Amino acid sequence: MYADIEDKLENICYLHLIRKYGQQNIFLGRDDKGKEIDFVVKRTDDSLLAVQVCYELNDNNLKREISSLNLLKKHINNPENEYRIITMYNILTKPITEKIEIINLIDFLLE
C-alpha cells in the first residue's frame, strides 16, 4: 500500500521541483551499488539539494532514508548543499543528529 502512495508523492515532489528549478536541473542519484536518492537538484549557485521522499518517516525506516543522503554528503562535501526528507507523517520518537531537514509535504509544496 505505501509503495503506491510513495510513487505518487515522488511524482508530486518531482513536479514541484521542476516548477521551481527547471527539469534540466533535476537528477536521480544512484551509486554503483544501487543506493538511490530520489532527487538531486543542481541550484543556480552550484550547490545541491538532495531530496528523499517517504510517506511515513519512523524509527524503523530512518536509517534507510538517511543513508543515501549521507553517502552523497561523503562524496560531495559542500557546506552549501542541503539535505531534506519530505514526508507526510513524521513519527520519529528520537531526534536525528545528521544535518538533514525533515519537512512535511504540504510545507514543501508551499515553498
C-alpha atoms as a PDB file:
ATOM      1  CA  MET A   1       0.000   0.000   0.000  1.00  0.00           C
ATOM      2  CA  TYR A   2       2.731   2.514   0.964  1.00  0.00           C
ATOM      3  CA  ALA A   3       4.709   1.856  -2.232  1.00  0.00           C
ATOM      4  CA  ASP A   4       1.840   3.103  -4.421  1.00  0.00           C
ATOM      5  CA  ILE A   5       1.361   6.192  -2.254  1.00  0.00           C
ATOM      6  CA  GLU A   6       5.098   6.890  -2.209  1.00  0.00           C
ATOM      7  CA  ASP A   7       5.210   6.768  -6.025  1.00  0.00           C
ATOM      8  CA  LYS A   8       2.501   9.421  -6.137  1.00  0.00           C
ATOM      9  CA  LEU A   9       4.272  11.547  -3.520  1.00  0.00           C
ATOM     10  CA  GLU A  10       7.520  11.331  -5.512  1.00  0.00           C
ATOM     11  CA  ASN A  11       5.665  12.477  -8.626  1.00  0.00           C
ATOM     12  CA  ILE A  12       4.153  15.423  -6.750  1.00  0.00           C
ATOM     13  CA  CYS A  13       7.583  16.422  -5.433  1.00  0.00           C
ATOM     14  CA  TYR A  14       9.151  15.986  -8.866  1.00  0.00           C
ATOM     15  CA  LEU A  15       6.599  18.312 -10.480  1.00  0.00           C
ATOM     16  CA  HIS A  16       7.163  20.886  -7.744  1.00  0.00           C
ATOM     17  CA  LEU A  17      10.935  20.723  -8.214  1.00  0.00           C
ATOM     18  CA  ILE A  18      10.548  21.111 -11.996  1.00  0.00           C
ATOM     19  CA  ARG A  19       8.450  24.229 -11.499  1.00  0.00           C
ATOM     20  CA  LYS A  20      10.918  25.670  -9.046  1.00  0.00           C
ATOM     21  CA  TYR A  21      14.293  24.697 -10.590  1.00  0.00           C
ATOM     22  CA  GLY A  22      13.593  23.548 -14.170  1.00  0.00           C
ATOM     23  CA  GLN A  23      13.639  19.978 -15.469  1.00  0.00           C
ATOM     24  CA  GLN A  24      17.232  20.265 -16.716  1.00  0.00           C
ATOM     25  CA  ASN A  25      18.417  20.679 -13.098  1.00  0.00           C
ATOM     26  CA  ILE A  26      16.663  17.637 -11.577  1.00  0.00           C
ATOM     27  CA  PHE A  27      18.553  14.322 -11.416  1.00  0.00           C
ATOM     28  CA  LEU A  28      18.173  10.878  -9.894  1.00  0.00           C
ATOM     29  CA  GLY A  29      21.047   9.993  -7.589  1.00  0.00           C
ATOM     30  CA  ARG A  30      22.281   6.401  -7.649  1.00  0.00           C
ATOM     31  CA  ASP A  31      25.607   4.814  -6.782  1.00  0.00           C
ATOM     32  CA  ASP A  32      27.117   1.689  -8.325  1.00  0.00           C
ATOM     33  CA  LYS A  33      25.621  -0.465  -5.546  1.00  0.00           C
ATOM     34  CA  GLY A  34      22.073   0.684  -6.303  1.00  0.00           C
ATOM     35  CA  LYS A  35      21.667   3.033  -3.351  1.00  0.00           C
ATOM     36  CA  GLU A  36      19.341   5.776  -4.531  1.00  0.00           C
ATOM     37  CA  ILE A  37      18.449   9.375  -3.737  1.00  0.00           C
ATOM     38  CA  ASP A  38      15.030  10.304  -5.061  1.00  0.00           C
ATOM     39  CA  PHE A  39      16.109  13.702  -6.420  1.00  0.00           C
ATOM     40  CA  VAL A  40      19.305  15.707  -6.659  1.00  0.00           C
ATOM     41  CA  VAL A  41      18.776  19.309  -7.716  1.00  0.00           C
ATOM     42  CA  LYS A  42      21.541  21.490  -9.100  1.00  0.00           C
ATOM     43  CA  ARG A  43      20.820  25.031  -7.943  1.00  0.00           C
ATOM     44  CA  THR A  44      21.992  28.265  -9.561  1.00  0.00           C
ATOM     45  CA  ASP A  45      24.792  28.752  -7.011  1.00  0.00           C
ATOM     46  CA  ASP A  46      26.192  25.279  -7.925  1.00  0.00           C
ATOM     47  CA  SER A  47      25.099  23.817  -4.605  1.00  0.00           C
ATOM     48  CA  LEU A  48      22.926  20.709  -4.482  1.00  0.00           C
ATOM     49  CA  LEU A  49      19.584  19.979  -2.890  1.00  0.00           C
ATOM     50  CA  ALA A  50      19.204  16.262  -2.162  1.00  0.00           C
ATOM     51  CA  VAL A  51      15.645  15.085  -1.545  1.00  0.00           C
ATOM     52  CA  GLN A  52      14.312  11.795  -0.194  1.00  0.00           C
ATOM     53  CA  VAL A  53      10.537  11.299  -0.265  1.00  0.00           C
ATOM     54  CA  CYS A  54       8.704   8.915   2.030  1.00  0.00           C
ATOM     55  CA  TYR A  55       5.101   8.555   3.121  1.00  0.00           C
ATOM     56  CA  GLU A  56       5.900   7.952   6.780  1.00  0.00           C
ATOM     57  CA  LEU A  57       9.210   8.584   8.498  1.00  0.00           C
ATOM     58  CA  ASN A  58       9.623   6.414  11.581  1.00  0.00           C
ATOM     59  CA  ASP A  59      12.330   4.823  13.686  1.00  0.00           C
ATOM     60  CA  ASN A  60      12.270   1.673  11.520  1.00  0.00           C
ATOM     61  CA  ASN A  61      12.938   3.358   8.152  1.00  0.00           C
ATOM     62  CA  LEU A  62      15.041   6.323   9.275  1.00  0.00           C
ATOM     63  CA  LYS A  63      18.377   4.597   8.663  1.00  0.00           C
ATOM     64  CA  ARG A  64      17.380   3.663   5.104  1.00  0.00           C
ATOM     65  CA  GLU A  65      16.132   7.172   4.300  1.00  0.00           C
ATOM     66  CA  ILE A  66      19.221   8.996   5.568  1.00  0.00           C
ATOM     67  CA  SER A  67      21.855   6.513   4.362  1.00  0.00           C
ATOM     68  CA  SER A  68      21.722   7.694   0.738  1.00  0.00           C
ATOM     69  CA  LEU A  69      21.802  11.336   1.789  1.00  0.00           C
ATOM     70  CA  ASN A  70      24.832  10.655   3.966  1.00  0.00           C
ATOM     71  CA  LEU A  71      26.560   8.873   1.089  1.00  0.00           C
ATOM     72  CA  LEU A  72      26.137  11.955  -1.102  1.00  0.00           C
ATOM     73  CA  LYS A  73      27.433  14.135   1.743  1.00  0.00           C
ATOM     74  CA  LYS A  74      30.511  11.944   1.981  1.00  0.00           C
ATOM     75  CA  HIS A  75      31.331  12.187  -1.735  1.00  0.00           C
ATOM     76  CA  ILE A  76      30.300  15.786  -2.438  1.00  0.00           C
ATOM     77  CA  ASN A  77      31.170  17.733   0.657  1.00  0.00           C
ATOM     78  CA  ASN A  78      29.922  21.254   0.006  1.00  0.00           C
ATOM     79  CA  PRO A  79      28.686  23.189   3.051  1.00  0.00           C
ATOM     80  CA  GLU A  80      26.106  24.916   0.832  1.00  0.00           C
ATOM     81  CA  ASN A  81      24.380  21.633  -0.062  1.00  0.00           C
ATOM     82  CA  GLU A  82      21.013  20.933   1.548  1.00  0.00           C
ATOM     83  CA  TYR A  83      19.633  17.536   2.510  1.00  0.00           C
ATOM     84  CA  ARG A  84      15.890  17.024   3.017  1.00  0.00           C
ATOM     85  CA  ILE A  85      13.426  14.281   3.733  1.00  0.00           C
ATOM     86  CA  ILE A  86       9.922  15.105   2.539  1.00  0.00           C
ATOM     87  CA  THR A  87       7.212  13.143   4.306  1.00  0.00           C
ATOM     88  CA  MET A  88       3.502  13.090   5.014  1.00  0.00           C
ATOM     89  CA  TYR A  89       3.940  11.747   8.536  1.00  0.00           C
ATOM     90  CA  ASN A  90       6.935  12.182  10.807  1.00  0.00           C
ATOM     91  CA  ILE A  91       6.530   9.820  13.750  1.00  0.00           C
ATOM     92  CA  LEU A  92      10.136   9.629  14.894  1.00  0.00           C
ATOM     93  CA  THR A  93      10.499   9.145  18.614  1.00  0.00           C
ATOM     94  CA  LYS A  94      14.057  10.472  18.778  1.00  0.00           C
ATOM     95  CA  PRO A  95      15.755  13.407  17.069  1.00  0.00           C
ATOM     96  CA  ILE A  96      18.198  12.852  14.223  1.00  0.00           C
ATOM     97  CA  THR A  97      21.764  14.057  14.631  1.00  0.00           C
ATOM     98  CA  GLU A  98      22.563  14.454  10.928  1.00  0.00           C
ATOM     99  CA  LYS A  99      22.228  17.830   9.242  1.00  0.00           C
ATOM    100  CA  ILE A 100      19.088  16.739   7.407  1.00  0.00           C
ATOM    101  CA  GLU A 101      15.889  18.751   7.362  1.00  0.00           C
ATOM    102  CA  ILE A 102      12.614  16.872   7.718  1.00  0.00           C
ATOM    103  CA  ILE A 103       9.766  18.701   6.009  1.00  0.00           C
ATOM    104  CA  ASN A 104       6.082  17.937   5.757  1.00  0.00           C
ATOM    105  CA  LEU A 105       4.949  17.558   2.141  1.00  0.00           C
ATOM    106  CA  ILE A 106       2.463  20.437   2.378  1.00  0.00           C
ATOM    107  CA  ASP A 107       5.106  22.824   3.749  1.00  0.00           C
ATOM    108  CA  PHE A 108       7.467  21.739   0.959  1.00  0.00           C
ATOM    109  CA  LEU A 109       4.865  22.463  -1.710  1.00  0.00           C
ATOM    110  CA  LEU A 110       4.182  25.909  -0.246  1.00  0.00           C
ATOM    111  CA  GLU A 111       7.832  26.982  -0.535  1.00  0.00           C
END
